[in-house]
PDB file of N, CA and C in Angstrom:
ATOM      1  N   MET A   1     155.215 103.590  98.857  1.00  0.00           N
ATOM      2  CA  MET A   1     154.484 102.589  98.677  1.00  0.00           C
ATOM      3  C   MET A   1     154.197 101.832 100.004  1.00  0.00           C
ATOM      4  N   THR A   2     152.900 101.260 100.042  1.00  0.00           N
ATOM      5  CA  THR A   2     152.322 100.478 101.132  1.00  0.00           C
ATOM      6  C   THR A   2     152.230  98.916 100.663  1.00  0.00           C
ATOM      7  N   ALA A   3     151.928  98.338 101.714  1.00  0.00           N
ATOM      8  CA  ALA A   3     151.946  96.568 101.551  1.00  0.00           C
ATOM      9  C   ALA A   3     150.383  96.554 101.661  1.00  0.00           C
ATOM     10  N   GLU A   4     149.963  95.997 100.827  1.00  0.00           N
ATOM     11  CA  GLU A   4     148.370  95.539 100.481  1.00  0.00           C
ATOM     12  C   GLU A   4     148.071  94.203 100.765  1.00  0.00           C
ATOM     13  N   LEU A   5     147.548  93.869 101.897  1.00  0.00           N
ATOM     14  CA  LEU A   5     147.214  92.458 102.144  1.00  0.00           C
ATOM     15  C   LEU A   5     146.294  91.771 101.272  1.00  0.00           C
ATOM     16  N   ARG A   6     146.412  90.860 100.666  1.00  0.00           N
ATOM     17  CA  ARG A   6     145.528  90.084  99.915  1.00  0.00           C
ATOM     18  C   ARG A   6     145.386  88.511 100.399  1.00  0.00           C
ATOM     19  N   TRP A   7     144.430  87.876 100.159  1.00  0.00           N
ATOM     20  CA  TRP A   7     144.325  86.417 100.338  1.00  0.00           C
ATOM     21  C   TRP A   7     144.692  85.374  99.331  1.00  0.00           C
ATOM     22  N   VAL A   8     145.441  84.524  99.263  1.00  0.00           N
ATOM     23  CA  VAL A   8     145.619  83.507  98.223  1.00  0.00           C
ATOM     24  C   VAL A   8     145.669  82.071  98.685  1.00  0.00           C
ATOM     25  N   LEU A   9     145.638  81.391  97.643  1.00  0.00           N
ATOM     26  CA  LEU A   9     145.432  79.958  98.063  1.00  0.00           C
ATOM     27  C   LEU A   9     146.613  79.549  98.508  1.00  0.00           C
ATOM     28  N   ALA A  10     146.789  78.812  99.368  1.00  0.00           N
ATOM     29  CA  ALA A  10     148.141  78.112 100.114  1.00  0.00           C
ATOM     30  C   ALA A  10     148.568  77.350  99.014  1.00  0.00           C
ATOM     31  N   GLU A  11     150.120  77.141  99.078  1.00  0.00           N
ATOM     32  CA  GLU A  11     150.650  76.450  98.281  1.00  0.00           C
ATOM     33  C   GLU A  11     150.189  75.013  98.105  1.00  0.00           C
ATOM     34  N   ASP A  12     150.113  74.350  96.829  1.00  0.00           N
ATOM     35  CA  ASP A  12     149.499  73.023  96.622  1.00  0.00           C
ATOM     36  C   ASP A  12     148.176  72.711  96.850  1.00  0.00           C
ATOM     37  N   VAL A  13     147.346  73.837  96.761  1.00  0.00           N
ATOM     38  CA  VAL A  13     145.951  73.711  96.935  1.00  0.00           C
ATOM     39  C   VAL A  13     145.274  73.639  95.361  1.00  0.00           C
ATOM     40  N   ALA A  14     144.307  72.720  95.401  1.00  0.00           N
ATOM     41  CA  ALA A  14     143.507  72.664  94.307  1.00  0.00           C
ATOM     42  C   ALA A  14     142.026  72.895  94.479  1.00  0.00           C
ATOM     43  N   VAL A  15     141.411  73.611  93.601  1.00  0.00           N
ATOM     44  CA  VAL A  15     140.150  74.148  93.595  1.00  0.00           C
ATOM     45  C   VAL A  15     139.255  73.633  92.300  1.00  0.00           C
ATOM     46  N   ALA A  16     137.910  72.932  92.780  1.00  0.00           N
ATOM     47  CA  ALA A  16     137.309  72.861  91.821  1.00  0.00           C
ATOM     48  C   ALA A  16     135.906  73.245  91.905  1.00  0.00           C
ATOM     49  N   GLU A  17     135.151  73.385  91.042  1.00  0.00           N
ATOM     50  CA  GLU A  17     133.583  73.882  91.510  1.00  0.00           C
ATOM     51  C   GLU A  17     132.826  72.988  90.608  1.00  0.00           C
ATOM     52  N   ASP A  18     131.566  72.430  91.406  1.00  0.00           N
ATOM     53  CA  ASP A  18     130.759  71.827  90.490  1.00  0.00           C
ATOM     54  C   ASP A  18     129.123  72.033  91.297  1.00  0.00           C
ATOM     55  N   ALA A  19     128.151  72.156  90.425  1.00  0.00           N
ATOM     56  CA  ALA A  19     126.747  72.436  91.031  1.00  0.00           C
ATOM     57  C   ALA A  19     126.768  73.057  92.363  1.00  0.00           C
ATOM     58  N   GLY A  20     127.209  74.426  91.886  1.00  0.00           N
ATOM     59  CA  GLY A  20     127.115  75.446  93.240  1.00  0.00           C
ATOM     60  C   GLY A  20     128.184  74.870  94.351  1.00  0.00           C
ATOM     61  N   TYR A  21     128.922  74.060  94.551  1.00  0.00           N
ATOM     62  CA  TYR A  21     129.627  73.962  95.233  1.00  0.00           C
ATOM     63  C   TYR A  21     131.289  74.085  95.118  1.00  0.00           C
ATOM     64  N   THR A  22     132.158  74.522  95.779  1.00  0.00           N
ATOM     65  CA  THR A  22     133.191  74.668  95.723  1.00  0.00           C
ATOM     66  C   THR A  22     134.318  73.483  96.549  1.00  0.00           C
ATOM     67  N   TYR A  23     135.257  72.878  96.063  1.00  0.00           N
ATOM     68  CA  TYR A  23     135.813  72.015  96.538  1.00  0.00           C
ATOM     69  C   TYR A  23     137.249  72.611  96.798  1.00  0.00           C
ATOM     70  N   LEU A  24     138.007  72.327  98.104  1.00  0.00           N
ATOM     71  CA  LEU A  24     139.252  72.660  98.226  1.00  0.00           C
ATOM     72  C   LEU A  24     140.050  71.404  98.687  1.00  0.00           C
ATOM     73  N   ALA A  25     141.289  71.209  98.231  1.00  0.00           N
ATOM     74  CA  ALA A  25     141.944  70.333  98.941  1.00  0.00           C
ATOM     75  C   ALA A  25     143.535  70.387  98.732  1.00  0.00           C
ATOM     76  N   ALA A  26     144.123  70.395  99.702  1.00  0.00           N
ATOM     77  CA  ALA A  26     145.546  70.441 100.082  1.00  0.00           C
ATOM     78  C   ALA A  26     146.189  68.918  99.171  1.00  0.00           C
ATOM     79  N   LEU A  27     146.918  69.212  97.921  1.00  0.00           N
ATOM     80  CA  LEU A  27     147.398  68.233  97.507  1.00  0.00           C
ATOM     81  C   LEU A  27     148.989  67.599  98.059  1.00  0.00           C
ATOM     82  N   PRO A  28     148.801  66.334  98.127  1.00  0.00           N
ATOM     83  CA  PRO A  28     148.474  65.352  97.322  1.00  0.00           C
ATOM     84  C   PRO A  28     147.156  64.528  98.030  1.00  0.00           C
ATOM     85  N   ASP A  29     147.441  65.033  99.571  1.00  0.00           N
ATOM     86  CA  ASP A  29     146.670  63.860 100.595  1.00  0.00           C
ATOM     87  C   ASP A  29     145.487  64.722 101.250  1.00  0.00           C
ATOM     88  N   GLY A  30     145.118  65.803 100.861  1.00  0.00           N
ATOM     89  CA  GLY A  30     143.681  66.295 101.384  1.00  0.00           C
ATOM     90  C   GLY A  30     143.959  66.929 102.874  1.00  0.00           C
ATOM     91  N   PRO A  31     142.799  66.870 103.519  1.00  0.00           N
ATOM     92  CA  PRO A  31     141.421  66.381 103.248  1.00  0.00           C
ATOM     93  C   PRO A  31     140.476  67.414 102.275  1.00  0.00           C
ATOM     94  N   ILE A  32     139.775  66.907 101.650  1.00  0.00           N
ATOM     95  CA  ILE A  32     138.880  67.866 100.582  1.00  0.00           C
ATOM     96  C   ILE A  32     137.752  68.488 101.845  1.00  0.00           C
ATOM     97  N   VAL A  33     137.641  70.099 101.432  1.00  0.00           N
ATOM     98  CA  VAL A  33     136.712  70.609 102.155  1.00  0.00           C
ATOM     99  C   VAL A  33     135.834  71.207 101.016  1.00  0.00           C
ATOM    100  N   VAL A  34     134.482  70.831 101.453  1.00  0.00           N
ATOM    101  CA  VAL A  34     133.338  71.375 100.649  1.00  0.00           C
ATOM    102  C   VAL A  34     132.926  72.514 101.123  1.00  0.00           C
ATOM    103  N   LEU A  35     132.911  73.422 100.339  1.00  0.00           N
ATOM    104  CA  LEU A  35     132.219  75.100 100.537  1.00  0.00           C
ATOM    105  C   LEU A  35     130.795  75.018  99.660  1.00  0.00           C
ATOM    106  N   ASP A  36     129.845  75.630 100.527  1.00  0.00           N
ATOM    107  CA  ASP A  36     128.368  75.756  99.681  1.00  0.00           C
ATOM    108  C   ASP A  36     128.542  77.080  99.141  1.00  0.00           C
ATOM    109  N   THR A  37     127.680  77.417  98.357  1.00  0.00           N
ATOM    110  CA  THR A  37     127.459  78.509  97.494  1.00  0.00           C
ATOM    111  C   THR A  37     128.212  79.744  98.028  1.00  0.00           C
ATOM    112  N   VAL A  38     127.448  80.034  99.321  1.00  0.00           N
ATOM    113  CA  VAL A  38     127.834  81.182  99.721  1.00  0.00           C
ATOM    114  C   VAL A  38     129.424  81.464  99.995  1.00  0.00           C
ATOM    115  N   ALA A  39     129.835  80.525 100.850  1.00  0.00           N
ATOM    116  CA  ALA A  39     131.527  80.353 101.124  1.00  0.00           C
ATOM    117  C   ALA A  39     131.945  80.091  99.830  1.00  0.00           C
ATOM    118  N   GLY A  40     131.782  79.735  98.782  1.00  0.00           N
ATOM    119  CA  GLY A  40     132.346  79.699  97.434  1.00  0.00           C
ATOM    120  C   GLY A  40     132.341  81.027  97.137  1.00  0.00           C
ATOM    121  N   VAL A  41     131.419  81.893  97.301  1.00  0.00           N
ATOM    122  CA  VAL A  41     131.403  83.268  96.749  1.00  0.00           C
ATOM    123  C   VAL A  41     132.200  84.116  97.470  1.00  0.00           C
ATOM    124  N   ILE A  42     132.358  83.853  98.842  1.00  0.00           N
ATOM    125  CA  ILE A  42     133.456  84.514  99.916  1.00  0.00           C
ATOM    126  C   ILE A  42     134.685  84.439  99.481  1.00  0.00           C
ATOM    127  N   LEU A  43     135.085  83.060  99.149  1.00  0.00           N
ATOM    128  CA  LEU A  43     136.307  82.618  98.793  1.00  0.00           C
ATOM    129  C   LEU A  43     136.710  83.267  97.269  1.00  0.00           C
ATOM    130  N   GLN A  44     135.715  83.390  96.380  1.00  0.00           N
ATOM    131  CA  GLN A  44     136.161  83.889  95.065  1.00  0.00           C
ATOM    132  C   GLN A  44     136.661  85.522  95.029  1.00  0.00           C
ATOM    133  N   ILE A  45     135.496  85.915  96.102  1.00  0.00           N
ATOM    134  CA  ILE A  45     135.817  87.490  96.176  1.00  0.00           C
ATOM    135  C   ILE A  45     137.307  87.771  96.606  1.00  0.00           C
ATOM    136  N   ALA A  46     137.328  86.933  97.988  1.00  0.00           N
ATOM    137  CA  ALA A  46     138.703  87.159  98.649  1.00  0.00           C
ATOM    138  C   ALA A  46     139.964  87.013  97.907  1.00  0.00           C
ATOM    139  N   LEU A  47     139.850  86.046  96.632  1.00  0.00           N
ATOM    140  CA  LEU A  47     140.785  85.937  95.888  1.00  0.00           C
ATOM    141  C   LEU A  47     140.926  86.960  94.973  1.00  0.00           C
ATOM    142  N   ASP A  48     140.017  87.693  94.695  1.00  0.00           N
ATOM    143  CA  ASP A  48     139.881  88.616  93.754  1.00  0.00           C
ATOM    144  C   ASP A  48     140.073  90.312  94.115  1.00  0.00           C
ATOM    145  N   VAL A  49     139.895  90.524  95.527  1.00  0.00           N
ATOM    146  CA  VAL A  49     140.046  91.886  95.872  1.00  0.00           C
ATOM    147  C   VAL A  49     140.904  91.912  97.100  1.00  0.00           C
ATOM    148  N   PRO A  50     141.542  93.182  97.422  1.00  0.00           N
ATOM    149  CA  PRO A  50     142.444  93.413  98.550  1.00  0.00           C
ATOM    150  C   PRO A  50     141.636  92.892  99.855  1.00  0.00           C
ATOM    151  N   ALA A  51     142.395  92.299 100.922  1.00  0.00           N
ATOM    152  CA  ALA A  51     141.742  91.584 102.138  1.00  0.00           C
ATOM    153  C   ALA A  51     140.727  92.612 102.839  1.00  0.00           C
ATOM    154  N   ASP A  52     141.286  93.890 102.709  1.00  0.00           N
ATOM    155  CA  ASP A  52     140.441  94.956 103.362  1.00  0.00           C
ATOM    156  C   ASP A  52     138.990  95.277 102.943  1.00  0.00           C
ATOM    157  N   LYS A  53     138.881  94.832 101.501  1.00  0.00           N
ATOM    158  CA  LYS A  53     137.786  95.073 100.799  1.00  0.00           C
ATOM    159  C   LYS A  53     136.748  93.762 100.735  1.00  0.00           C
ATOM    160  N   VAL A  54     137.104  92.649 101.523  1.00  0.00           N
ATOM    161  CA  VAL A  54     136.132  91.532 101.087  1.00  0.00           C
ATOM    162  C   VAL A  54     134.903  91.481 101.724  1.00  0.00           C
ATOM    163  N   THR A  55     134.848  92.154 102.868  1.00  0.00           N
ATOM    164  CA  THR A  55     133.542  92.340 103.188  1.00  0.00           C
ATOM    165  C   THR A  55     132.486  92.922 102.785  1.00  0.00           C
ATOM    166  N   ALA A  56     133.075  94.176 102.239  1.00  0.00           N
ATOM    167  CA  ALA A  56     132.173  95.114 101.770  1.00  0.00           C
ATOM    168  C   ALA A  56     131.597  94.750 100.151  1.00  0.00           C
ATOM    169  N   GLU A  57     132.618  93.780  99.623  1.00  0.00           N
ATOM    170  CA  GLU A  57     132.419  93.062  98.278  1.00  0.00           C
ATOM    171  C   GLU A  57     131.244  91.910  98.523  1.00  0.00           C
ATOM    172  N   VAL A  58     131.423  91.289  99.492  1.00  0.00           N
ATOM    173  CA  VAL A  58     130.388  90.105  99.847  1.00  0.00           C
ATOM    174  C   VAL A  58     128.990  90.950 100.226  1.00  0.00           C
ATOM    175  N   ALA A  59     129.152  91.930 100.859  1.00  0.00           N
ATOM    176  CA  ALA A  59     127.870  92.513 101.427  1.00  0.00           C
ATOM    177  C   ALA A  59     127.247  93.169 100.023  1.00  0.00           C
ATOM    178  N   ALA A  60     127.868  93.495  99.248  1.00  0.00           N
ATOM    179  CA  ALA A  60     127.222  94.066  97.969  1.00  0.00           C
ATOM    180  C   ALA A  60     126.677  93.020  97.107  1.00  0.00           C
ATOM    181  N   ALA A  61     127.386  91.872  97.066  1.00  0.00           N
ATOM    182  CA  ALA A  61     127.030  90.636  96.240  1.00  0.00           C
ATOM    183  C   ALA A  61     125.497  90.241  96.736  1.00  0.00           C
ATOM    184  N   TYR A  62     125.387  90.620  97.808  1.00  0.00           N
ATOM    185  CA  TYR A  62     123.977  89.972  98.424  1.00  0.00           C
ATOM    186  C   TYR A  62     123.023  91.034  98.824  1.00  0.00           C
ATOM    187  N   GLY A  63     123.439  92.181  98.509  1.00  0.00           N
ATOM    188  CA  GLY A  63     122.479  93.531  99.076  1.00  0.00           C
ATOM    189  C   GLY A  63     122.398  93.627 100.441  1.00  0.00           C
ATOM    190  N   LYS A  64     123.524  93.507 100.992  1.00  0.00           N
ATOM    191  CA  LYS A  64     123.589  93.502 102.611  1.00  0.00           C
ATOM    192  C   LYS A  64     124.488  94.865 102.882  1.00  0.00           C
ATOM    193  N   VAL A  65     124.458  95.205 103.973  1.00  0.00           N
ATOM    194  CA  VAL A  65     125.500  96.324 104.433  1.00  0.00           C
ATOM    195  C   VAL A  65     126.564  95.210 105.097  1.00  0.00           C
ATOM    196  N   PRO A  66     127.669  95.882 105.289  1.00  0.00           N
ATOM    197  CA  PRO A  66     128.822  95.042 105.716  1.00  0.00           C
ATOM    198  C   PRO A  66     128.730  94.447 106.942  1.00  0.00           C
ATOM    199  N   THR A  67     128.172  95.348 107.884  1.00  0.00           N
ATOM    200  CA  THR A  67     128.093  94.722 109.367  1.00  0.00           C
ATOM    201  C   THR A  67     127.098  93.382 109.444  1.00  0.00           C
ATOM    202  N   GLU A  68     126.238  93.506 108.532  1.00  0.00           N
ATOM    203  CA  GLU A  68     125.536  91.914 108.470  1.00  0.00           C
ATOM    204  C   GLU A  68     126.121  90.861 108.006  1.00  0.00           C
ATOM    205  N   VAL A  69     127.299  90.868 107.299  1.00  0.00           N
ATOM    206  CA  VAL A  69     128.029  89.697 106.719  1.00  0.00           C
ATOM    207  C   VAL A  69     129.411  89.711 107.453  1.00  0.00           C
ATOM    208  N   ASP A  70     129.808  90.778 108.173  1.00  0.00           N
ATOM    209  CA  ASP A  70     131.198  90.687 108.579  1.00  0.00           C
ATOM    210  C   ASP A  70     131.377  89.591 109.449  1.00  0.00           C
ATOM    211  N   ALA A  71     130.677  89.010 110.445  1.00  0.00           N
ATOM    212  CA  ALA A  71     131.094  87.667 111.125  1.00  0.00           C
ATOM    213  C   ALA A  71     131.054  86.661 110.245  1.00  0.00           C
ATOM    214  N   ALA A  72     130.224  86.306 109.449  1.00  0.00           N
ATOM    215  CA  ALA A  72     130.251  85.123 108.286  1.00  0.00           C
ATOM    216  C   ALA A  72     131.560  85.045 107.531  1.00  0.00           C
ATOM    217  N   VAL A  73     131.849  86.308 107.116  1.00  0.00           N
ATOM    218  CA  VAL A  73     133.191  86.463 105.981  1.00  0.00           C
ATOM    219  C   VAL A  73     134.213  86.112 106.950  1.00  0.00           C
ATOM    220  N   SER A  74     134.314  86.706 107.932  1.00  0.00           N
ATOM    221  CA  SER A  74     135.681  86.507 108.948  1.00  0.00           C
ATOM    222  C   SER A  74     135.700  85.089 109.229  1.00  0.00           C
ATOM    223  N   GLU A  75     134.478  84.550 109.694  1.00  0.00           N
ATOM    224  CA  GLU A  75     134.676  83.057 110.236  1.00  0.00           C
ATOM    225  C   GLU A  75     135.339  82.114 108.788  1.00  0.00           C
ATOM    226  N   CYS A  76     134.540  82.411 107.675  1.00  0.00           N
ATOM    227  CA  CYS A  76     135.001  81.585 106.658  1.00  0.00           C
ATOM    228  C   CYS A  76     136.315  81.587 106.678  1.00  0.00           C
ATOM    229  N   LEU A  77     136.842  82.782 106.200  1.00  0.00           N
ATOM    230  CA  LEU A  77     138.321  83.004 105.863  1.00  0.00           C
ATOM    231  C   LEU A  77     139.345  82.387 107.036  1.00  0.00           C
ATOM    232  N   SER A  78     138.592  82.883 108.158  1.00  0.00           N
ATOM    233  CA  SER A  78     139.745  82.143 109.382  1.00  0.00           C
ATOM    234  C   SER A  78     139.627  80.837 109.426  1.00  0.00           C
ATOM    235  N   GLY A  79     138.495  80.021 109.103  1.00  0.00           N
ATOM    236  CA  GLY A  79     138.288  78.839 108.988  1.00  0.00           C
ATOM    237  C   GLY A  79     139.304  78.088 107.913  1.00  0.00           C
ATOM    238  N   LEU A  80     139.179  78.766 106.805  1.00  0.00           N
ATOM    239  CA  LEU A  80     140.144  78.490 105.667  1.00  0.00           C
ATOM    240  C   LEU A  80     141.641  78.497 105.903  1.00  0.00           C
ATOM    241  N   GLU A  81     141.906  79.588 106.544  1.00  0.00           N
ATOM    242  CA  GLU A  81     143.152  79.723 107.291  1.00  0.00           C
ATOM    243  C   GLU A  81     143.661  78.723 108.169  1.00  0.00           C
ATOM    244  N   ARG A  82     143.077  78.445 109.144  1.00  0.00           N
ATOM    245  CA  ARG A  82     143.175  77.595 109.915  1.00  0.00           C
ATOM    246  C   ARG A  82     143.517  76.015 109.367  1.00  0.00           C
ATOM    247  N   ALA A  83     142.647  75.787 108.456  1.00  0.00           N
ATOM    248  CA  ALA A  83     142.892  74.620 107.390  1.00  0.00           C
ATOM    249  C   ALA A  83     143.959  74.613 106.563  1.00  0.00           C
ATOM    250  N   ARG A  84     144.762  75.579 106.731  1.00  0.00           N
ATOM    251  CA  ARG A  84     146.112  75.960 105.718  1.00  0.00           C
ATOM    252  C   ARG A  84     145.629  75.644 104.299  1.00  0.00           C
ATOM    253  N   LEU A  85     144.529  76.522 103.816  1.00  0.00           N
ATOM    254  CA  LEU A  85     143.988  76.065 102.343  1.00  0.00           C
ATOM    255  C   LEU A  85     144.198  77.614 102.047  1.00  0.00           C
ATOM    256  N   LEU A  86     144.084  78.704 102.885  1.00  0.00           N
ATOM    257  CA  LEU A  86     144.259  80.026 102.492  1.00  0.00           C
ATOM    258  C   LEU A  86     145.139  80.799 103.215  1.00  0.00           C
ATOM    259  N   ARG A  87     145.809  81.788 102.606  1.00  0.00           N
ATOM    260  CA  ARG A  87     146.827  82.800 103.561  1.00  0.00           C
ATOM    261  C   ARG A  87     146.737  84.200 102.984  1.00  0.00           C
ATOM    262  N   ARG A  88     147.099  84.742 104.041  1.00  0.00           N
ATOM    263  CA  ARG A  88     147.248  86.451 103.689  1.00  0.00           C
ATOM    264  C   ARG A  88     148.574  86.589 103.374  1.00  0.00           C
ATOM    265  N   VAL A  89     148.773  87.338 102.166  1.00  0.00           N
ATOM    266  CA  VAL A  89     150.197  87.850 101.758  1.00  0.00           C
ATOM    267  C   VAL A  89     150.194  89.326 101.612  1.00  0.00           C
ATOM    268  N   GLY A  90     151.447  90.142 101.746  1.00  0.00           N
ATOM    269  CA  GLY A  90     151.384  91.531 101.509  1.00  0.00           C
ATOM    270  C   GLY A  90     151.945  91.487 100.255  1.00  0.00           C
ATOM    271  N   ALA A  91     151.244  92.601  99.458  1.00  0.00           N
ATOM    272  CA  ALA A  91     151.701  92.948  98.143  1.00  0.00           C
ATOM    273  C   ALA A  91     152.062  94.307  98.030  1.00  0.00           C
ATOM    274  N   ARG A  92     152.997  94.604  97.391  1.00  0.00           N
ATOM    275  CA  ARG A  92     153.375  96.408  97.027  1.00  0.00           C
ATOM    276  C   ARG A  92     152.413  96.811  96.067  1.00  0.00           C
ATOM    277  N   GLY A  93     151.904  97.915  96.393  1.00  0.00           N
ATOM    278  CA  GLY A  93     150.951  98.720  95.533  1.00  0.00           C
ATOM    279  C   GLY A  93     151.166 100.203  95.787  1.00  0.00           C
TER     280      GLY A  93
END
């Protein structure tokens, strides 16, 4: 069995979506982070697939090749991780 890395919301993070924006907040004190539509799609894909598949899935969602979106995906996820809103965990698979 191998460990598979996945992205998950950090503990006590709330998510809300409205009018094409995704709002993330560490509860109870925030701050609130607002993601535009593209960053919201990156987040949703990151929460749905193994970490090593995120870039390919985002690329497919926008009809691009992975190398065209890799830097943007990496920066988005790294920024959310630095803000302590998202973290990577290993899952047994």
